[in-house]
All heavy atoms as atom14 arrays in JSON, in Angstrom:
{
  "sequence": "IIFALEEKFDISIPYNANEAPGAGKGDAASVGLG",
  "atom14_mask": [
    [1, 1, 1, 1, 1, 1, 1, 1, 0, 0, 0, 0, 0, 0],
    [1, 1, 1, 1, 1, 1, 1, 1, 0, 0, 0, 0, 0, 0],
    [1, 1, 1, 1, 1, 1, 1, 1, 1, 1, 1, 0, 0, 0],
    [1, 1, 1, 1, 1, 0, 0, 0, 0, 0, 0, 0, 0, 0],
    [1, 1, 1, 1, 1, 1, 1, 1, 0, 0, 0, 0, 0, 0],
    [1, 1, 1, 1, 1, 1, 1, 1, 1, 0, 0, 0, 0, 0],
    [1, 1, 1, 1, 1, 1, 1, 1, 1, 0, 0, 0, 0, 0],
    [1, 1, 1, 1, 1, 1, 1, 1, 1, 0, 0, 0, 0, 0],
    [1, 1, 1, 1, 1, 1, 1, 1, 1, 1, 1, 0, 0, 0],
    [1, 1, 1, 1, 1, 1, 1, 1, 0, 0, 0, 0, 0, 0],
    [1, 1, 1, 1, 1, 1, 1, 1, 0, 0, 0, 0, 0, 0],
    [1, 1, 1, 1, 1, 1, 0, 0, 0, 0, 0, 0, 0, 0],
    [1, 1, 1, 1, 1, 1, 1, 1, 0, 0, 0, 0, 0, 0],
    [1, 1, 1, 1, 1, 1, 1, 0, 0, 0, 0, 0, 0, 0],
    [1, 1, 1, 1, 1, 1, 1, 1, 1, 1, 1, 1, 0, 0],
    [1, 1, 1, 1, 1, 1, 1, 1, 0, 0, 0, 0, 0, 0],
    [1, 1, 1, 1, 1, 0, 0, 0, 0, 0, 0, 0, 0, 0],
    [1, 1, 1, 1, 1, 1, 1, 1, 0, 0, 0, 0, 0, 0],
    [1, 1, 1, 1, 1, 1, 1, 1, 1, 0, 0, 0, 0, 0],
    [1, 1, 1, 1, 1, 0, 0, 0, 0, 0, 0, 0, 0, 0],
    [1, 1, 1, 1, 1, 1, 1, 0, 0, 0, 0, 0, 0, 0],
    [1, 1, 1, 1, 0, 0, 0, 0, 0, 0, 0, 0, 0, 0],
    [1, 1, 1, 1, 1, 0, 0, 0, 0, 0, 0, 0, 0, 0],
    [1, 1, 1, 1, 0, 0, 0, 0, 0, 0, 0, 0, 0, 0],
    [1, 1, 1, 1, 1, 1, 1, 1, 1, 0, 0, 0, 0, 0],
    [1, 1, 1, 1, 0, 0, 0, 0, 0, 0, 0, 0, 0, 0],
    [1, 1, 1, 1, 1, 1, 1, 1, 0, 0, 0, 0, 0, 0],
    [1, 1, 1, 1, 1, 0, 0, 0, 0, 0, 0, 0, 0, 0],
    [1, 1, 1, 1, 1, 0, 0, 0, 0, 0, 0, 0, 0, 0],
    [1, 1, 1, 1, 1, 1, 0, 0, 0, 0, 0, 0, 0, 0],
    [1, 1, 1, 1, 1, 1, 1, 0, 0, 0, 0, 0, 0, 0],
    [1, 1, 1, 1, 0, 0, 0, 0, 0, 0, 0, 0, 0, 0],
    [1, 1, 1, 1, 1, 1, 1, 1, 0, 0, 0, 0, 0, 0],
    [1, 1, 1, 1, 0, 0, 0, 0, 0, 0, 0, 0, 0, 0]
  ],
  "atom14_positions": [
    [[66.5, 176.78, 58.47], [66.67, 176.4, 59.88], [66.21, 174.96, 60.08], [66.89, 174.17, 60.74], [65.89, 177.37, 60.8], [66.57, 178.74, 60.8], [65.78, 176.81, 62.22], [65.73, 179.85, 61.42], [0.0, 0.0, 0.0], [0.0, 0.0, 0.0], [0.0, 0.0, 0.0], [0.0, 0.0, 0.0], [0.0, 0.0, 0.0], [0.0, 0.0, 0.0]],
    [[65.05, 174.61, 59.51], [64.52, 173.25, 59.64], [65.52, 172.24, 59.05], [65.82, 171.22, 59.67], [63.15, 173.12, 58.94], [62.1, 173.97, 59.67], [62.7, 171.66, 58.85], [61.82, 173.6, 61.09], [0.0, 0.0, 0.0], [0.0, 0.0, 0.0], [0.0, 0.0, 0.0], [0.0, 0.0, 0.0], [0.0, 0.0, 0.0], [0.0, 0.0, 0.0]],
    [[66.04, 172.53, 57.86], [67.01, 171.62, 57.24], [68.25, 171.46, 58.12], [68.77, 170.35, 58.28], [67.42, 172.11, 55.84], [66.38, 171.91, 54.78], [66.39, 172.71, 53.65], [65.4, 170.95, 54.88], [65.44, 172.54, 52.64], [64.44, 170.76, 53.9], [64.46, 171.57, 52.77], [0.0, 0.0, 0.0], [0.0, 0.0, 0.0], [0.0, 0.0, 0.0]],
    [[68.73, 172.56, 58.69], [69.92, 172.5, 59.55], [69.64, 171.68, 60.8], [70.49, 170.88, 61.24], [70.38, 173.91, 59.92], [0.0, 0.0, 0.0], [0.0, 0.0, 0.0], [0.0, 0.0, 0.0], [0.0, 0.0, 0.0], [0.0, 0.0, 0.0], [0.0, 0.0, 0.0], [0.0, 0.0, 0.0], [0.0, 0.0, 0.0], [0.0, 0.0, 0.0]],
    [[68.45, 171.83, 61.37], [68.08, 171.04, 62.56], [67.97, 169.56, 62.22], [68.44, 168.7, 62.97], [66.75, 171.54, 63.14], [66.77, 172.93, 63.78], [65.35, 173.42, 64.03], [67.57, 172.92, 65.07], [0.0, 0.0, 0.0], [0.0, 0.0, 0.0], [0.0, 0.0, 0.0], [0.0, 0.0, 0.0], [0.0, 0.0, 0.0], [0.0, 0.0, 0.0]],
    [[67.36, 169.26, 61.07], [67.22, 167.87, 60.65], [68.59, 167.22, 60.47], [68.82, 166.09, 60.89], [66.42, 167.78, 59.34], [64.96, 168.07, 59.52], [64.18, 168.04, 58.21], [64.77, 168.26, 57.12], [62.97, 167.77, 58.27], [0.0, 0.0, 0.0], [0.0, 0.0, 0.0], [0.0, 0.0, 0.0], [0.0, 0.0, 0.0], [0.0, 0.0, 0.0]],
    [[69.5, 167.95, 59.85], [70.84, 167.41, 59.62], [71.6, 167.22, 60.93], [72.21, 166.18, 61.16], [71.62, 168.36, 58.69], [72.97, 167.81, 58.31], [73.69, 168.72, 57.32], [73.03, 169.3, 56.44], [74.92, 168.84, 57.45], [0.0, 0.0, 0.0], [0.0, 0.0, 0.0], [0.0, 0.0, 0.0], [0.0, 0.0, 0.0], [0.0, 0.0, 0.0]],
    [[71.55, 168.21, 61.8], [72.28, 168.16, 63.07], [71.81, 167.01, 63.96], [72.61, 166.31, 64.56], [72.12, 169.51, 63.8], [72.54, 169.52, 65.24], [74.03, 169.6, 65.41], [74.38, 169.7, 66.88], [75.79, 169.64, 67.12], [0.0, 0.0, 0.0], [0.0, 0.0, 0.0], [0.0, 0.0, 0.0], [0.0, 0.0, 0.0], [0.0, 0.0, 0.0]],
    [[70.49, 166.84, 64.05], [69.93, 165.87, 65.0], [69.47, 164.58, 64.33], [68.93, 163.7, 65.01], [68.79, 166.51, 65.79], [69.23, 167.69, 66.62], [68.91, 168.99, 66.24], [70.02, 167.51, 67.75], [69.33, 170.08, 66.99], [70.44, 168.59, 68.5], [70.1, 169.88, 68.13], [0.0, 0.0, 0.0], [0.0, 0.0, 0.0], [0.0, 0.0, 0.0]],
    [[69.66, 164.45, 63.01], [69.27, 163.25, 62.28], [67.79, 162.91, 62.53], [67.44, 161.8, 62.92], [70.17, 162.06, 62.62], [69.99, 160.9, 61.66], [69.64, 161.15, 60.49], [70.18, 159.74, 62.09], [0.0, 0.0, 0.0], [0.0, 0.0, 0.0], [0.0, 0.0, 0.0], [0.0, 0.0, 0.0], [0.0, 0.0, 0.0], [0.0, 0.0, 0.0]],
    [[66.95, 163.92, 62.32], [65.51, 163.75, 62.48], [64.82, 164.26, 61.23], [65.46, 164.87, 60.37], [64.97, 164.53, 63.71], [65.34, 166.01, 63.62], [65.46, 163.9, 65.01], [64.72, 166.89, 64.69], [0.0, 0.0, 0.0], [0.0, 0.0, 0.0], [0.0, 0.0, 0.0], [0.0, 0.0, 0.0], [0.0, 0.0, 0.0], [0.0, 0.0, 0.0]],
    [[63.52, 164.03, 61.14], [62.72, 164.56, 60.05], [61.59, 165.38, 60.64], [60.74, 164.84, 61.35], [62.17, 163.41, 59.2], [61.38, 163.93, 58.17], [0.0, 0.0, 0.0], [0.0, 0.0, 0.0], [0.0, 0.0, 0.0], [0.0, 0.0, 0.0], [0.0, 0.0, 0.0], [0.0, 0.0, 0.0], [0.0, 0.0, 0.0], [0.0, 0.0, 0.0]],
    [[61.62, 166.67, 60.37], [60.58, 167.56, 60.88], [59.5, 167.66, 59.8], [59.81, 168.03, 58.66], [61.17, 168.96, 61.2], [62.24, 168.81, 62.29], [60.06, 169.92, 61.64], [63.02, 170.08, 62.58], [0.0, 0.0, 0.0], [0.0, 0.0, 0.0], [0.0, 0.0, 0.0], [0.0, 0.0, 0.0], [0.0, 0.0, 0.0], [0.0, 0.0, 0.0]],
    [[58.26, 167.31, 60.13], [57.19, 167.35, 59.13], [57.09, 168.74, 58.5], [57.18, 169.75, 59.2], [55.93, 167.03, 59.93], [56.42, 166.31, 61.14], [57.78, 166.88, 61.43], [0.0, 0.0, 0.0], [0.0, 0.0, 0.0], [0.0, 0.0, 0.0], [0.0, 0.0, 0.0], [0.0, 0.0, 0.0], [0.0, 0.0, 0.0], [0.0, 0.0, 0.0]],
    [[56.92, 168.75, 57.2], [56.9, 170.02, 56.45], [55.84, 170.98, 56.98], [56.05, 172.17, 57.04], [56.66, 169.74, 54.97], [56.6, 171.0, 54.15], [57.74, 171.75, 53.89], [55.39, 171.46, 53.65], [57.69, 172.91, 53.16], [55.33, 172.64, 52.92], [56.47, 173.35, 52.67], [56.42, 174.51, 51.95], [0.0, 0.0, 0.0], [0.0, 0.0, 0.0]],
    [[54.69, 170.43, 57.39], [53.6, 171.28, 57.84], [53.62, 171.54, 59.34], [52.63, 171.94, 59.92], [52.26, 170.69, 57.44], [51.99, 169.36, 58.12], [52.88, 168.78, 58.74], [50.76, 168.88, 58.03], [0.0, 0.0, 0.0], [0.0, 0.0, 0.0], [0.0, 0.0, 0.0], [0.0, 0.0, 0.0], [0.0, 0.0, 0.0], [0.0, 0.0, 0.0]],
    [[54.74, 171.34, 59.99], [54.82, 171.48, 61.44], [54.53, 172.89, 61.91], [54.15, 173.1, 63.04], [56.21, 171.06, 61.94], [0.0, 0.0, 0.0], [0.0, 0.0, 0.0], [0.0, 0.0, 0.0], [0.0, 0.0, 0.0], [0.0, 0.0, 0.0], [0.0, 0.0, 0.0], [0.0, 0.0, 0.0], [0.0, 0.0, 0.0], [0.0, 0.0, 0.0]],
    [[54.65, 173.86, 61.03], [54.44, 175.24, 61.45], [53.21, 175.86, 60.8], [53.06, 177.07, 60.78], [55.67, 176.09, 61.14], [55.77, 177.28, 62.06], [55.43, 177.2, 63.23], [56.22, 178.4, 61.53], [0.0, 0.0, 0.0], [0.0, 0.0, 0.0], [0.0, 0.0, 0.0], [0.0, 0.0, 0.0], [0.0, 0.0, 0.0], [0.0, 0.0, 0.0]],
    [[52.31, 175.03, 60.27], [51.12, 175.58, 59.65], [50.11, 176.01, 60.7], [50.26, 175.74, 61.88], [50.49, 174.53, 58.72], [51.27, 174.39, 57.43], [50.61, 173.46, 56.45], [49.51, 172.95, 56.74], [51.19, 173.23, 55.39], [0.0, 0.0, 0.0], [0.0, 0.0, 0.0], [0.0, 0.0, 0.0], [0.0, 0.0, 0.0], [0.0, 0.0, 0.0]],
    [[49.07, 176.62, 60.25], [48.02, 177.16, 61.13], [47.35, 176.05, 61.94], [47.42, 174.88, 61.58], [46.98, 177.88, 60.27], [0.0, 0.0, 0.0], [0.0, 0.0, 0.0], [0.0, 0.0, 0.0], [0.0, 0.0, 0.0], [0.0, 0.0, 0.0], [0.0, 0.0, 0.0], [0.0, 0.0, 0.0], [0.0, 0.0, 0.0], [0.0, 0.0, 0.0]],
    [[46.69, 176.4, 63.06], [46.0, 175.41, 63.88], [45.05, 174.57, 63.03], [44.43, 175.07, 62.11], [45.22, 176.26, 64.89], [45.96, 177.54, 64.95], [46.56, 177.74, 63.59], [0.0, 0.0, 0.0], [0.0, 0.0, 0.0], [0.0, 0.0, 0.0], [0.0, 0.0, 0.0], [0.0, 0.0, 0.0], [0.0, 0.0, 0.0], [0.0, 0.0, 0.0]],
    [[44.97, 173.31, 63.39], [44.15, 172.39, 62.62], [44.96, 171.59, 61.63], [44.54, 170.54, 61.17], [0.0, 0.0, 0.0], [0.0, 0.0, 0.0], [0.0, 0.0, 0.0], [0.0, 0.0, 0.0], [0.0, 0.0, 0.0], [0.0, 0.0, 0.0], [0.0, 0.0, 0.0], [0.0, 0.0, 0.0], [0.0, 0.0, 0.0], [0.0, 0.0, 0.0]],
    [[46.15, 172.09, 61.29], [46.99, 171.39, 60.32], [47.81, 170.31, 61.0], [48.33, 169.43, 60.36], [47.91, 172.38, 59.62], [0.0, 0.0, 0.0], [0.0, 0.0, 0.0], [0.0, 0.0, 0.0], [0.0, 0.0, 0.0], [0.0, 0.0, 0.0], [0.0, 0.0, 0.0], [0.0, 0.0, 0.0], [0.0, 0.0, 0.0], [0.0, 0.0, 0.0]],
    [[47.94, 170.36, 62.32], [48.81, 169.44, 63.03], [48.13, 168.17, 63.48], [48.33, 167.71, 64.58], [0.0, 0.0, 0.0], [0.0, 0.0, 0.0], [0.0, 0.0, 0.0], [0.0, 0.0, 0.0], [0.0, 0.0, 0.0], [0.0, 0.0, 0.0], [0.0, 0.0, 0.0], [0.0, 0.0, 0.0], [0.0, 0.0, 0.0], [0.0, 0.0, 0.0]],
    [[47.3, 167.61, 62.62], [46.58, 166.4, 63.02], [47.24, 165.13, 62.5], [46.78, 164.05, 62.78], [45.13, 166.49, 62.53], [44.37, 167.61, 63.2], [42.9, 167.38, 63.13], [42.06, 168.29, 63.97], [42.48, 169.62, 64.19], [0.0, 0.0, 0.0], [0.0, 0.0, 0.0], [0.0, 0.0, 0.0], [0.0, 0.0, 0.0], [0.0, 0.0, 0.0]],
    [[48.33, 165.27, 61.77], [48.99, 164.1, 61.21], [50.19, 163.68, 62.03], [50.12, 163.56, 63.24], [0.0, 0.0, 0.0], [0.0, 0.0, 0.0], [0.0, 0.0, 0.0], [0.0, 0.0, 0.0], [0.0, 0.0, 0.0], [0.0, 0.0, 0.0], [0.0, 0.0, 0.0], [0.0, 0.0, 0.0], [0.0, 0.0, 0.0], [0.0, 0.0, 0.0]],
    [[51.31, 163.49, 61.35], [52.54, 163.06, 62.02], [52.98, 164.02, 63.12], [53.44, 163.6, 64.15], [53.68, 162.94, 61.0], [53.43, 161.84, 59.99], [52.63, 160.94, 60.29], [54.05, 161.88, 58.92], [0.0, 0.0, 0.0], [0.0, 0.0, 0.0], [0.0, 0.0, 0.0], [0.0, 0.0, 0.0], [0.0, 0.0, 0.0], [0.0, 0.0, 0.0]],
    [[52.83, 165.3, 62.87], [53.29, 166.28, 63.86], [52.56, 166.1, 65.18], [53.17, 166.19, 66.24], [53.07, 167.7, 63.32], [0.0, 0.0, 0.0], [0.0, 0.0, 0.0], [0.0, 0.0, 0.0], [0.0, 0.0, 0.0], [0.0, 0.0, 0.0], [0.0, 0.0, 0.0], [0.0, 0.0, 0.0], [0.0, 0.0, 0.0], [0.0, 0.0, 0.0]],
    [[51.27, 165.84, 65.14], [50.5, 165.68, 66.37], [50.94, 164.43, 67.13], [50.93, 164.41, 68.35], [49.01, 165.62, 66.06], [0.0, 0.0, 0.0], [0.0, 0.0, 0.0], [0.0, 0.0, 0.0], [0.0, 0.0, 0.0], [0.0, 0.0, 0.0], [0.0, 0.0, 0.0], [0.0, 0.0, 0.0], [0.0, 0.0, 0.0], [0.0, 0.0, 0.0]],
    [[51.35, 163.41, 66.4], [51.72, 162.16, 67.06], [52.99, 162.28, 67.9], [53.2, 161.5, 68.8], [51.89, 161.04, 66.02], [53.01, 161.29, 65.2], [0.0, 0.0, 0.0], [0.0, 0.0, 0.0], [0.0, 0.0, 0.0], [0.0, 0.0, 0.0], [0.0, 0.0, 0.0], [0.0, 0.0, 0.0], [0.0, 0.0, 0.0], [0.0, 0.0, 0.0]],
    [[53.83, 163.27, 67.62], [55.02, 163.46, 68.43], [54.95, 164.74, 69.25], [55.94, 165.2, 69.79], [56.33, 163.44, 67.58], [56.56, 162.08, 67.0], [56.3, 164.51, 66.5], [0.0, 0.0, 0.0], [0.0, 0.0, 0.0], [0.0, 0.0, 0.0], [0.0, 0.0, 0.0], [0.0, 0.0, 0.0], [0.0, 0.0, 0.0], [0.0, 0.0, 0.0]],
    [[53.78, 165.35, 69.31], [53.59, 166.51, 70.16], [54.09, 167.82, 69.58], [54.36, 168.75, 70.3], [0.0, 0.0, 0.0], [0.0, 0.0, 0.0], [0.0, 0.0, 0.0], [0.0, 0.0, 0.0], [0.0, 0.0, 0.0], [0.0, 0.0, 0.0], [0.0, 0.0, 0.0], [0.0, 0.0, 0.0], [0.0, 0.0, 0.0], [0.0, 0.0, 0.0]],
    [[54.21, 167.92, 68.27], [54.62, 169.17, 67.66], [53.44, 170.11, 67.6], [52.36, 169.74, 67.19], [55.14, 168.96, 66.23], [56.44, 168.21, 66.06], [56.81, 168.16, 64.59], [57.55, 168.83, 66.85], [0.0, 0.0, 0.0], [0.0, 0.0, 0.0], [0.0, 0.0, 0.0], [0.0, 0.0, 0.0], [0.0, 0.0, 0.0], [0.0, 0.0, 0.0]],
    [[53.67, 171.33, 67.99], [52.66, 172.36, 67.87], [53.21, 173.46, 67.0], [54.0, 173.21, 66.1], [0.0, 0.0, 0.0], [0.0, 0.0, 0.0], [0.0, 0.0, 0.0], [0.0, 0.0, 0.0], [0.0, 0.0, 0.0], [0.0, 0.0, 0.0], [0.0, 0.0, 0.0], [0.0, 0.0, 0.0], [0.0, 0.0, 0.0], [0.0, 0.0, 0.0]]
  ]
}
């Protein structure tokens, strides 16, 4: 699903975007991904 979304919208979803709380302190946090 992530790959299909990335291809459709020409974006890059951080690999750890869906990890447990505390993991979203890098790139994901900078764009508001939870």
